[in-house]
Amino acid sequence: MCVLLGASIAEELGVTARYLVGSLLIVIGLVSLLLGGFRWTQQKTVVDIGPLKATTEEHKTVPIPPVIGGLALVGGILVLVVPTRRRA
């Protein structure tokens, strides 16, 4: 009985991991195609002398080529749609 329980838990985790990977690939593909990559703003302290403090904002970008975004999107859809093979 313990072996059957372990197999069902492993099967559920495999499905969960599959959905997670597929969803992540779809999100990365959509962000790449719609926004051209990931962007964020980081605040840095330039001068900190007693009560005087000067900060600056630094904008960073990680560009993702549209080809990679398209491949990630198609790959994510395939991971979610194509059924897994079961071994006997």
C-alpha atoms as a PDB file:
ATOM      1  CA  MET A   1       0.000   0.000   0.000  1.00  0.00           C
ATOM      2  CA  CYS A   2       2.852   2.363   0.815  1.00  0.00           C
ATOM      3  CA  VAL A   3       4.341   1.854  -2.663  1.00  0.00           C
ATOM      4  CA  LEU A   4       1.000   2.727  -4.299  1.00  0.00           C
ATOM      5  CA  LEU A   5       0.697   5.851  -2.159  1.00  0.00           C
ATOM      6  CA  GLY A   6       4.203   6.927  -3.146  1.00  0.00           C
ATOM      7  CA  ALA A   7       3.451   6.359  -6.824  1.00  0.00           C
ATOM      8  CA  SER A   8       0.297   8.474  -6.673  1.00  0.00           C
ATOM      9  CA  ILE A   9       2.125  11.295  -4.874  1.00  0.00           C
ATOM     10  CA  ALA A  10       4.942  11.186  -7.453  1.00  0.00           C
ATOM     11  CA  GLU A  11       2.369  11.213 -10.250  1.00  0.00           C
ATOM     12  CA  GLU A  12       0.620  14.257  -8.752  1.00  0.00           C
ATOM     13  CA  LEU A  13       3.942  16.071  -8.299  1.00  0.00           C
ATOM     14  CA  GLY A  14       4.865  15.306 -11.909  1.00  0.00           C
ATOM     15  CA  VAL A  15       1.604  16.828 -13.124  1.00  0.00           C
ATOM     16  CA  THR A  16       2.083  19.855 -10.868  1.00  0.00           C
ATOM     17  CA  ALA A  17       5.673  20.359 -12.047  1.00  0.00           C
ATOM     18  CA  ARG A  18       4.523  19.967 -15.649  1.00  0.00           C
ATOM     19  CA  TYR A  19       1.838  22.629 -15.250  1.00  0.00           C
ATOM     20  CA  LEU A  20       4.289  24.906 -13.459  1.00  0.00           C
ATOM     21  CA  VAL A  21       6.939  24.596 -16.182  1.00  0.00           C
ATOM     22  CA  GLY A  22       4.382  25.009 -18.973  1.00  0.00           C
ATOM     23  CA  SER A  23       2.830  28.063 -17.345  1.00  0.00           C
ATOM     24  CA  LEU A  24       6.242  29.608 -16.690  1.00  0.00           C
ATOM     25  CA  LEU A  25       7.269  29.134 -20.328  1.00  0.00           C
ATOM     26  CA  ILE A  26       4.019  30.737 -21.514  1.00  0.00           C
ATOM     27  CA  VAL A  27       4.517  33.745 -19.213  1.00  0.00           C
ATOM     28  CA  ILE A  28       8.134  34.212 -20.336  1.00  0.00           C
ATOM     29  CA  GLY A  29       7.083  33.937 -23.979  1.00  0.00           C
ATOM     30  CA  LEU A  30       4.269  36.468 -23.602  1.00  0.00           C
ATOM     31  CA  VAL A  31       6.434  38.956 -21.691  1.00  0.00           C
ATOM     32  CA  SER A  32       9.123  38.643 -24.321  1.00  0.00           C
ATOM     33  CA  LEU A  33       6.747  39.126 -27.242  1.00  0.00           C
ATOM     34  CA  LEU A  34       4.642  41.891 -25.700  1.00  0.00           C
ATOM     35  CA  LEU A  35       7.247  43.878 -23.758  1.00  0.00           C
ATOM     36  CA  GLY A  36      10.539  42.875 -25.381  1.00  0.00           C
ATOM     37  CA  GLY A  37      12.012  41.632 -22.108  1.00  0.00           C
ATOM     38  CA  PHE A  38      12.030  42.274 -18.378  1.00  0.00           C
ATOM     39  CA  ARG A  39      12.544  45.790 -16.955  1.00  0.00           C
ATOM     40  CA  TRP A  40      12.955  47.030 -13.403  1.00  0.00           C
ATOM     41  CA  THR A  41      14.121  50.103 -11.502  1.00  0.00           C
ATOM     42  CA  GLN A  42      16.729  49.967  -8.762  1.00  0.00           C
ATOM     43  CA  GLN A  43      17.449  52.799  -6.311  1.00  0.00           C
ATOM     44  CA  LYS A  44      21.086  53.364  -5.368  1.00  0.00           C
ATOM     45  CA  THR A  45      22.521  55.652  -2.705  1.00  0.00           C
ATOM     46  CA  VAL A  46      25.195  57.870  -4.239  1.00  0.00           C
ATOM     47  CA  VAL A  47      26.113  60.061  -1.246  1.00  0.00           C
ATOM     48  CA  ASP A  48      25.330  59.423   2.421  1.00  0.00           C
ATOM     49  CA  ILE A  49      27.003  62.056   4.643  1.00  0.00           C
ATOM     50  CA  GLY A  50      25.245  62.542   7.973  1.00  0.00           C
ATOM     51  CA  PRO A  51      21.783  63.993   7.360  1.00  0.00           C
ATOM     52  CA  LEU A  52      22.569  64.481   3.653  1.00  0.00           C
ATOM     53  CA  LYS A  53      21.566  61.623   1.399  1.00  0.00           C
ATOM     54  CA  ALA A  54      21.504  61.522  -2.399  1.00  0.00           C
ATOM     55  CA  THR A  55      19.924  58.656  -4.317  1.00  0.00           C
ATOM     56  CA  THR A  56      19.554  57.846  -7.973  1.00  0.00           C
ATOM     57  CA  GLU A  57      17.293  55.517  -9.912  1.00  0.00           C
ATOM     58  CA  GLU A  58      18.901  53.045 -12.239  1.00  0.00           C
ATOM     59  CA  HIS A  59      16.726  51.430 -14.918  1.00  0.00           C
ATOM     60  CA  LYS A  60      17.783  47.923 -15.895  1.00  0.00           C
ATOM     61  CA  THR A  61      16.548  45.790 -18.781  1.00  0.00           C
ATOM     62  CA  VAL A  62      17.011  42.152 -19.731  1.00  0.00           C
ATOM     63  CA  PRO A  63      16.071  41.973 -23.424  1.00  0.00           C
ATOM     64  CA  ILE A  64      14.698  38.696 -24.776  1.00  0.00           C
ATOM     65  CA  PRO A  65      14.708  38.224 -28.564  1.00  0.00           C
ATOM     66  CA  PRO A  66      11.264  37.640 -30.127  1.00  0.00           C
ATOM     67  CA  VAL A  67      12.391  34.273 -31.531  1.00  0.00           C
ATOM     68  CA  ILE A  68      13.189  33.007 -28.042  1.00  0.00           C
ATOM     69  CA  GLY A  69       9.870  34.372 -26.773  1.00  0.00           C
ATOM     70  CA  GLY A  70       7.967  32.612 -29.554  1.00  0.00           C
ATOM     71  CA  LEU A  71       9.764  29.337 -28.888  1.00  0.00           C
ATOM     72  CA  ALA A  72       9.064  29.609 -25.154  1.00  0.00           C
ATOM     73  CA  LEU A  73       5.381  30.297 -25.825  1.00  0.00           C
ATOM     74  CA  VAL A  74       5.011  27.347 -28.215  1.00  0.00           C
ATOM     75  CA  GLY A  75       7.006  25.100 -25.868  1.00  0.00           C
ATOM     76  CA  GLY A  76       4.816  26.020 -22.913  1.00  0.00           C
ATOM     77  CA  ILE A  77       1.652  25.302 -24.872  1.00  0.00           C
ATOM     78  CA  LEU A  78       3.060  21.947 -25.993  1.00  0.00           C
ATOM     79  CA  VAL A  79       4.017  21.009 -22.426  1.00  0.00           C
ATOM     80  CA  LEU A  80       0.461  21.684 -21.272  1.00  0.00           C
ATOM     81  CA  VAL A  81      -1.385  20.151 -24.241  1.00  0.00           C
ATOM     82  CA  VAL A  82       0.607  17.049 -25.270  1.00  0.00           C
ATOM     83  CA  PRO A  83      -0.182  14.068 -23.003  1.00  0.00           C
ATOM     84  CA  THR A  84       2.632  12.339 -21.157  1.00  0.00           C
ATOM     85  CA  ARG A  85       3.642   8.809 -22.016  1.00  0.00           C
ATOM     86  CA  ARG A  86       2.940   6.200 -19.394  1.00  0.00           C
ATOM     87  CA  ARG A  87       5.405   3.388 -18.901  1.00  0.00           C
ATOM     88  CA  ALA A  88       4.131  -0.045 -18.012  1.00  0.00           C
END
